Amino acid sequence: FLLTVIKRDEQVCTDCKLCDKVCSMNIKISEKNTIYGNDCIGCYDCITTKTCPDKARALSLVVANKKVHLYRFVSVAIAIYIVATYLVMYVFNVIE
């Protein structure tokens, strides 16, 4: 079970291969339907609106089998990081 994956909708993909060009891991995204965390470092450059043409929007982030908006996901991840840091530093008295 993987928490996050990138899905490519081949029905709307225009095969422009812009996602392949921005991938820092050199994944051939345009040739896959699902990109897993084992291959992907999670930069999500391939999902940004500047990469996939507006008409297509073939790539999406899927978290726990539900399609989510990238910026909401990032906002929640940052919030969790801040809360976890606070808990470790102050509640558990790591720093006095």
Protein backbone atom coordinates (compact mmCIF):
# COMPACT_ATOMS: atom_id res chain seq x y z
CA PHE A 1 0.00 0.00 0.00
CA LEU A 2 1.42 3.35 -1.03
CA LEU A 3 0.03 6.53 0.43
CA THR A 4 0.72 8.81 -2.54
CA VAL A 5 0.96 8.07 -6.24
CA ILE A 6 0.76 10.09 -9.44
CA LYS A 7 -1.85 8.91 -11.92
CA ARG A 8 -1.85 9.67 -15.64
CA ASP A 9 -5.21 9.65 -17.39
CA GLU A 10 -4.32 8.26 -20.80
CA GLN A 11 -7.76 9.25 -22.13
CA VAL A 12 -6.94 12.97 -21.88
CA CYS A 13 -3.14 12.85 -22.19
CA THR A 14 -1.96 14.64 -25.33
CA ASP A 15 1.43 12.84 -25.35
CA CYS A 16 3.26 16.16 -25.35
CA LYS A 17 5.93 14.59 -23.10
CA LEU A 18 6.45 17.82 -21.15
CA CYS A 19 6.14 15.79 -17.94
CA ASP A 20 9.06 13.60 -19.06
CA LYS A 21 11.22 16.67 -19.65
CA VAL A 22 10.69 18.14 -16.15
CA CYS A 23 11.17 14.88 -14.24
CA SER A 24 14.42 15.06 -12.29
CA MET A 25 14.36 11.26 -11.90
CA ASN A 26 14.15 10.76 -15.69
CA ILE A 27 10.93 8.78 -15.37
CA LYS A 28 9.11 8.34 -18.66
CA ILE A 29 5.83 9.54 -17.16
CA SER A 30 4.14 9.67 -20.55
CA GLU A 31 4.61 5.91 -20.85
CA LYS A 32 3.15 4.98 -17.45
CA ASN A 33 -0.33 5.06 -15.95
CA THR A 34 0.85 5.18 -12.34
CA ILE A 35 4.05 6.58 -10.86
CA TYR A 36 4.93 5.18 -7.46
CA GLY A 37 7.08 6.58 -4.69
CA ASN A 38 9.79 3.99 -5.31
CA ASP A 39 10.68 5.77 -8.54
CA CYS A 40 9.53 9.29 -7.75
CA ILE A 41 11.11 11.71 -5.25
CA GLY A 42 7.85 13.64 -4.90
CA CYS A 43 8.86 16.99 -6.36
CA TYR A 44 5.52 17.03 -8.25
CA ASP A 45 6.93 19.21 -11.03
CA CYS A 46 5.08 17.02 -13.51
CA ILE A 47 1.72 17.91 -11.94
CA THR A 48 2.10 21.68 -11.99
CA THR A 49 -0.12 23.61 -14.38
CA LYS A 50 2.93 24.86 -16.28
CA THR A 51 3.83 21.30 -17.26
CA CYS A 52 0.65 19.55 -18.35
CA PRO A 53 -1.37 21.61 -20.86
CA ASP A 54 -4.45 23.23 -19.34
CA LYS A 55 -6.79 21.38 -21.68
CA ALA A 56 -5.39 18.00 -20.73
CA ARG A 57 -4.57 18.00 -17.00
CA ALA A 58 -3.76 14.33 -17.44
CA LEU A 59 -1.70 14.01 -14.26
CA SER A 60 -3.11 14.01 -10.76
CA LEU A 61 -1.97 13.28 -7.23
CA VAL A 62 -3.75 10.42 -5.51
CA VAL A 63 -3.52 10.10 -1.72
CA ALA A 64 -4.99 7.02 -0.07
CA ASN A 65 -6.89 6.21 -3.29
CA LYS A 66 -8.47 9.69 -3.47
CA LYS A 67 -7.59 12.38 -6.01
CA VAL A 68 -6.40 15.52 -4.19
CA HIS A 69 -5.38 19.02 -5.18
CA LEU A 70 -1.58 19.35 -5.07
CA TYR A 71 -1.50 22.65 -3.16
CA ARG A 72 -3.92 21.41 -0.49
CA PHE A 73 -1.74 18.34 -0.03
CA VAL A 74 1.38 20.48 0.36
CA SER A 75 -0.39 22.82 2.82
CA VAL A 76 -1.51 19.92 4.99
CA ALA A 77 1.96 18.35 4.88
CA ILE A 78 3.55 21.62 6.05
CA ALA A 79 0.96 22.00 8.83
CA ILE A 80 1.66 18.46 10.05
CA TYR A 81 5.39 19.17 10.02
CA ILE A 82 4.92 22.35 12.10
CA VAL A 83 2.67 20.61 14.64
CA ALA A 84 5.05 17.64 14.92
CA THR A 85 8.01 19.97 15.40
CA TYR A 86 6.16 21.88 18.13
CA LEU A 87 5.22 18.66 19.91
CA VAL A 88 8.76 17.33 19.85
CA MET A 89 10.39 20.59 20.89
CA TYR A 90 8.02 21.92 23.53
CA VAL A 91 5.61 19.28 24.73
CA PHE A 92 8.25 16.60 25.10
CA ASN A 93 10.75 19.15 26.49
CA VAL A 94 13.51 18.48 24.00
CA ILE A 95 14.48 22.15 24.17
CA GLU A 96 14.27 23.85 27.54
